[in-house]
C-alpha atoms as a PDB file:
ATOM      1  CA  UNK A   1     -12.755  -6.207  17.432  1.00  0.00           C
ATOM      2  CA  UNK A   2     -14.644  -5.662  14.236  1.00  0.00           C
ATOM      3  CA  UNK A   3     -12.477  -2.741  13.393  1.00  0.00           C
ATOM      4  CA  UNK A   4      -9.275  -4.845  13.751  1.00  0.00           C
ATOM      5  CA  UNK A   5     -10.820  -7.439  11.477  1.00  0.00           C
ATOM      6  CA  UNK A   6     -11.405  -4.716   8.926  1.00  0.00           C
ATOM      7  CA  UNK A   7      -7.905  -3.451   9.250  1.00  0.00           C
ATOM      8  CA  UNK A   8      -6.364  -6.853   8.981  1.00  0.00           C
ATOM      9  CA  UNK A   9      -8.295  -7.663   5.750  1.00  0.00           C
ATOM     10  CA  UNK A  10      -7.023  -4.455   4.207  1.00  0.00           C
ATOM     11  CA  UNK A  11      -3.422  -5.153   5.261  1.00  0.00           C
ATOM     12  CA  UNK A  12      -3.478  -8.720   4.317  1.00  0.00           C
ATOM     13  CA  UNK A  13      -4.773  -7.614   0.840  1.00  0.00           C
ATOM     14  CA  UNK A  14      -2.107  -5.072   0.513  1.00  0.00           C
ATOM     15  CA  UNK A  15       0.710  -7.656   1.329  1.00  0.00           C
ATOM     16  CA  UNK A  16      -0.777 -10.363  -1.015  1.00  0.00           C
ATOM     17  CA  UNK A  17      -1.024  -7.937  -3.979  1.00  0.00           C
ATOM     18  CA  UNK A  18       2.498  -6.603  -3.245  1.00  0.00           C
ATOM     19  CA  UNK A  19       4.024 -10.074  -3.126  1.00  0.00           C
ATOM     20  CA  UNK A  20       2.279 -11.088  -6.370  1.00  0.00           C
ATOM     21  CA  UNK A  21       3.206  -8.062  -8.298  1.00  0.00           C
ATOM     22  CA  UNK A  22       6.737  -8.059  -6.973  1.00  0.00           C
ATOM     23  CA  UNK A  23       7.062 -11.692  -8.096  1.00  0.00           C
ATOM     24  CA  UNK A  24       5.913 -10.825 -11.660  1.00  0.00           C
ATOM     25  CA  UNK A  25       8.191  -7.801 -11.731  1.00  0.00           C
ATOM     26  CA  UNK A  26      11.065  -9.965 -10.554  1.00  0.00           C
ATOM     27  CA  UNK A  27      10.419 -12.648 -13.338  1.00  0.00           C
ATOM     28  CA  UNK A  28      10.162  -9.970 -16.037  1.00  0.00           C
ATOM     29  CA  UNK A  29      13.487  -8.490 -14.791  1.00  0.00           C
ATOM     30  CA  UNK A  30      15.118 -11.921 -14.618  1.00  0.00           C
ATOM     31  CA  UNK A  31      14.297 -12.492 -18.235  1.00  0.00           C
ATOM     32  CA  UNK A  32      15.533  -8.986 -19.163  1.00  0.00           C
ATOM     33  CA  UNK A  33      12.017  -7.839 -20.509  1.00  0.00           C
ATOM     34  CA  UNK A  34      12.160  -4.528 -18.739  1.00  0.00           C
ATOM     35  CA  UNK A  35      14.585  -1.775 -19.201  1.00  0.00           C
ATOM     36  CA  UNK A  36      15.939   0.400 -16.234  1.00  0.00           C
ATOM     37  CA  UNK A  37      13.446   3.054 -16.488  1.00  0.00           C
ATOM     38  CA  UNK A  38      10.430   0.920 -16.556  1.00  0.00           C
ATOM     39  CA  UNK A  39      11.770  -1.157 -13.619  1.00  0.00           C
ATOM     40  CA  UNK A  40      12.275   2.053 -11.625  1.00  0.00           C
ATOM     41  CA  UNK A  41       8.753   3.283 -12.256  1.00  0.00           C
ATOM     42  CA  UNK A  42       7.305  -0.094 -11.388  1.00  0.00           C
ATOM     43  CA  UNK A  43       9.273  -0.180  -8.128  1.00  0.00           C
ATOM     44  CA  UNK A  44       7.300   2.954  -7.206  1.00  0.00           C
ATOM     45  CA  UNK A  45       3.938   1.955  -8.784  1.00  0.00           C
ATOM     46  CA  UNK A  46       3.553  -1.456  -7.268  1.00  0.00           C
ATOM     47  CA  UNK A  47       3.573  -0.582  -3.641  1.00  0.00           C
ATOM     48  CA  UNK A  48       1.179   2.275  -4.232  1.00  0.00           C
ATOM     49  CA  UNK A  49      -1.128   0.189  -6.231  1.00  0.00           C
ATOM     50  CA  UNK A  50      -1.194  -2.466  -3.548  1.00  0.00           C
ATOM     51  CA  UNK A  51      -1.714   0.098  -0.825  1.00  0.00           C
ATOM     52  CA  UNK A  52      -4.699   1.693  -2.730  1.00  0.00           C
ATOM     53  CA  UNK A  53      -6.275  -1.622  -3.236  1.00  0.00           C
ATOM     54  CA  UNK A  54      -5.958  -2.777   0.364  1.00  0.00           C
ATOM     55  CA  UNK A  55      -7.131   0.529   1.653  1.00  0.00           C
ATOM     56  CA  UNK A  56     -10.038   0.519  -0.737  1.00  0.00           C
ATOM     57  CA  UNK A  57     -11.088  -2.879   0.726  1.00  0.00           C
ATOM     58  CA  UNK A  58     -10.696  -1.612   4.170  1.00  0.00           C
ATOM     59  CA  UNK A  59     -12.802   1.469   3.452  1.00  0.00           C
ATOM     60  CA  UNK A  60     -15.491  -0.540   1.711  1.00  0.00           C
ATOM     61  CA  UNK A  61     -15.862  -2.506   4.903  1.00  0.00           C
ATOM     62  CA  UNK A  62     -15.770   0.337   7.306  1.00  0.00           C
ATOM     63  CA  UNK A  63     -19.162   1.704   8.526  1.00  0.00           C
ATOM     64  CA  UNK A  64     -18.078   5.496   8.709  1.00  0.00           C
ATOM     65  CA  UNK A  65     -14.848   7.585   8.685  1.00  0.00           C
ATOM     66  CA  UNK A  66     -13.138   5.686   6.002  1.00  0.00           C
ATOM     67  CA  UNK A  67     -10.215   8.170   5.871  1.00  0.00           C
ATOM     68  CA  UNK A  68      -9.465   7.264   9.406  1.00  0.00           C
ATOM     69  CA  UNK A  69      -9.147   3.666   8.406  1.00  0.00           C
ATOM     70  CA  UNK A  70      -6.916   4.499   5.509  1.00  0.00           C
ATOM     71  CA  UNK A  71      -4.757   6.604   7.607  1.00  0.00           C
ATOM     72  CA  UNK A  72      -4.266   3.928  10.204  1.00  0.00           C
ATOM     73  CA  UNK A  73      -3.546   1.518   7.269  1.00  0.00           C
ATOM     74  CA  UNK A  74      -1.008   3.933   5.900  1.00  0.00           C
ATOM     75  CA  UNK A  75       0.625   4.465   9.267  1.00  0.00           C
ATOM     76  CA  UNK A  76       1.024   0.791   9.895  1.00  0.00           C
ATOM     77  CA  UNK A  77       2.573   0.234   6.535  1.00  0.00           C
ATOM     78  CA  UNK A  78       4.784   3.091   6.844  1.00  0.00           C
ATOM     79  CA  UNK A  79       5.831   2.003  10.239  1.00  0.00           C
ATOM     80  CA  UNK A  80       6.687  -1.431   8.945  1.00  0.00           C
ATOM     81  CA  UNK A  81       8.617  -0.068   5.975  1.00  0.00           C
ATOM     82  CA  UNK A  82      10.504   2.349   8.327  1.00  0.00           C
ATOM     83  CA  UNK A  83      11.508  -0.352  10.707  1.00  0.00           C
ATOM     84  CA  UNK A  84      12.599  -2.631   7.870  1.00  0.00           C
ATOM     85  CA  UNK A  85      14.808   0.110   6.318  1.00  0.00           C
ATOM     86  CA  UNK A  86      16.395   0.758   9.610  1.00  0.00           C
ATOM     87  CA  UNK A  87      17.204  -2.946  10.082  1.00  0.00           C
ATOM     88  CA  UNK A  88      18.663  -3.234   6.634  1.00  0.00           C
ATOM     89  CA  UNK A  89      20.361   0.161   6.973  1.00  0.00           C
ATOM     90  CA  UNK A  90      18.925   1.645   3.748  1.00  0.00           C
ATOM     91  CA  UNK A  91      17.169   4.725   5.279  1.00  0.00           C
ATOM     92  CA  UNK A  92      17.572   7.957   3.369  1.00  0.00           C
ATOM     93  CA  UNK A  93      15.925  11.253   3.638  1.00  0.00           C
ATOM     94  CA  UNK A  94      14.095  10.609   0.439  1.00  0.00           C
ATOM     95  CA  UNK A  95      12.300   7.713   2.016  1.00  0.00           C
ATOM     96  CA  UNK A  96      10.446  10.297   4.145  1.00  0.00           C
ATOM     97  CA  UNK A  97       8.856  11.689   0.996  1.00  0.00           C
ATOM     98  CA  UNK A  98       7.796   8.062   0.112  1.00  0.00           C
ATOM     99  CA  UNK A  99       6.240   7.566   3.517  1.00  0.00           C
ATOM    100  CA  UNK A 100       4.185  10.583   3.108  1.00  0.00           C
ATOM    101  CA  UNK A 101       3.048   9.457  -0.256  1.00  0.00           C
ATOM    102  CA  UNK A 102       2.171   6.133   1.097  1.00  0.00           C
ATOM    103  CA  UNK A 103       0.065   7.654   4.040  1.00  0.00           C
ATOM    104  CA  UNK A 104      -1.820   9.931   1.452  1.00  0.00           C
ATOM    105  CA  UNK A 105      -2.342   7.081  -1.065  1.00  0.00           C
ATOM    106  CA  UNK A 106      -3.705   4.857   1.687  1.00  0.00           C
ATOM    107  CA  UNK A 107      -5.996   7.560   2.919  1.00  0.00           C
ATOM    108  CA  UNK A 108      -7.301   8.273  -0.580  1.00  0.00           C
ATOM    109  CA  UNK A 109      -7.855   4.563  -1.305  1.00  0.00           C
ATOM    110  CA  UNK A 110     -10.030   4.167   1.798  1.00  0.00           C
ATOM    111  CA  UNK A 111     -11.949   7.343   0.968  1.00  0.00           C
ATOM    112  CA  UNK A 112     -12.591   5.781  -2.426  1.00  0.00           C
ATOM    113  CA  UNK A 113     -13.749   2.538  -0.868  1.00  0.00           C
ATOM    114  CA  UNK A 114     -16.288   4.053   1.530  1.00  0.00           C
ATOM    115  CA  UNK A 115     -17.658   6.214  -1.333  1.00  0.00           C
ATOM    116  CA  UNK A 116     -17.978   3.166  -3.553  1.00  0.00           C
ATOM    117  CA  UNK A 117     -19.941   1.498  -0.838  1.00  0.00           C
ATOM    118  CA  UNK A 118     -22.429   4.475  -0.645  1.00  0.00           C
ATOM    119  CA  UNK A 119     -23.046   4.541  -4.190  1.00  0.00           C
ATOM    120  CA  UNK A 120     -23.560   0.767  -4.652  1.00  0.00           C
END
């Protein structure tokens, strides 16, 4: 039960940070403050940044095997994005590369979190 609580805190943090950064990006795009190149880069960086932060928090709360916590976090997020892309019929083969990057980023963030806990 404790493990589910830790995972849910990480996922909730990921979702909150993603929503906040997406709203900021939307506002900047609405007022034409970003060009197309910056917007494209931000559309890739925002999900990865929120995933790293959520996995970092999840890894920091985990007692041991932080990489497993990050892997599970990444798999849950990937599954959610995959189902959402199937529903809106926006699935392409290049999305698989993004899914792999999400899983690796989530695992890396959780490893950083558990190592930050050990050094503190």
